[in-house]
Each structure stands twice: as C-alpha cells, then as structure tokens.
Amino acid sequence: MSLLCTFMLQHTVMARPVIKVLYNKLGLSIVERSVYNLTASLALQLLIQHWVALRDPVWRINTVEHNACWWMFAISHGYCWATIYLGSLTMDLSELLGIKQVYYYLNGWDDPLTLKSSELQRLISHQRHPSFVSFFFIFWVHPYMSVDRLIMAVIMTLYMVCAWKVDDIDFEYQERQFQRKEIELSHI
C-alpha cells in the first residue's frame, strides 16, 4: 500500500501549482514536465520492483477451459492498452514527456503550450492523462483477481476518480475536436 501511496503522492504533489511556481522561480520551468515524468517512472519502477503479491484469489475465471473468455480478456486488454498508447500520441507525446518544451527552449522558441487553443490549454492544465477509462478496465476486468490486485484496483480507482477533473466545458471541447477530426478524416 505504501508503494501505491508513493506513486500517487508523486503524481499529486508534482502536479500542484505551487510546484510549477517553484520551478518558475528557480528558472527550471523548461524541465518541469521531464522531471515529472522521470520521477513518475522512478515511482512506478519502485512499485513494480517491490510489489508483494498476495496470491489468494478473490475471483478466478478459468480461461483455459473457456477459450472464448481468454480471447475476450486478451482482445479487451489489448484494446485498452492500444487506447492508452494512441491517446498519448494524440495528446502530443513529445510534449507530454517534456521533450518538446526542452527542444523549443533550446531553439529559442516560445513554450509549445502557448501555441495551443485556450480550450486545450485549460484541458491540459488539469487532465493530462488520456486513459483513465482504459486503466479502470485493466484494473478491474481480469480473469484472476488476487487480493493485492483488488487492493490496487480499489486504491487506483479512488485516486483516478479524485484526480479526474474533466467538466462539461472540457467534454464539449473534446467532442468538437472529435467531430472536426471525423470530418477531416472523411475527406481522405
């Protein structure tokens, strides 16, 4: 549980406006996103390396005898992971990782975020992760739910619900963008 708290604490603390202000005061705002991703990766690595599995099953679906179940889980999880990956790409992966900010800085250009619409800037300011629904599905829809996985699923679900701050304005913006992309793609 403390490993999950480390991961969530890193995500929560480093996303706070006071941290961004501190980076600005220190003249390090250019690396803020890169440092955020580095520390998130380190927290995740710590979580993975020191996870203690509790093998007691909460539920177990026999996918060996039920081949269709195995395919259902495999396809749905594959779809979710693809959604996470593609969502990251559509959110501008190089910017999400902080690479674009450093590149722009080294070339003497303005922060790439300033080139985005005010609606997108608003969305990005409080919703950087494009894949909460997929993570929710991955956490909960699994043929073998052990006690440790259940604890992780509950904690991460609660964390995501608390962290997800998309409102009607953001939703309407995303819907307009989706419709625009749909029209653009229909002309190809």
Foldseek 3Di string as FASTA:
>chain_A
DVLVVQLLVLVVVLLDPVVCVVCVVVVNNLCSLQVSVVSNVVSVVVCVVPPDFFQAWPAADPCVVPVVLVVVVVVLLVVLVVQQVVQCVVLPVCVNNSNVSVVCVVVVHDRVLVVDDPLNNVCCSQPVGPRPVSVLCVLPVDRTHGPSSVVVSVVVNVSCVVRDDDDPSNVVVVVVVVVVVVVVVVVD
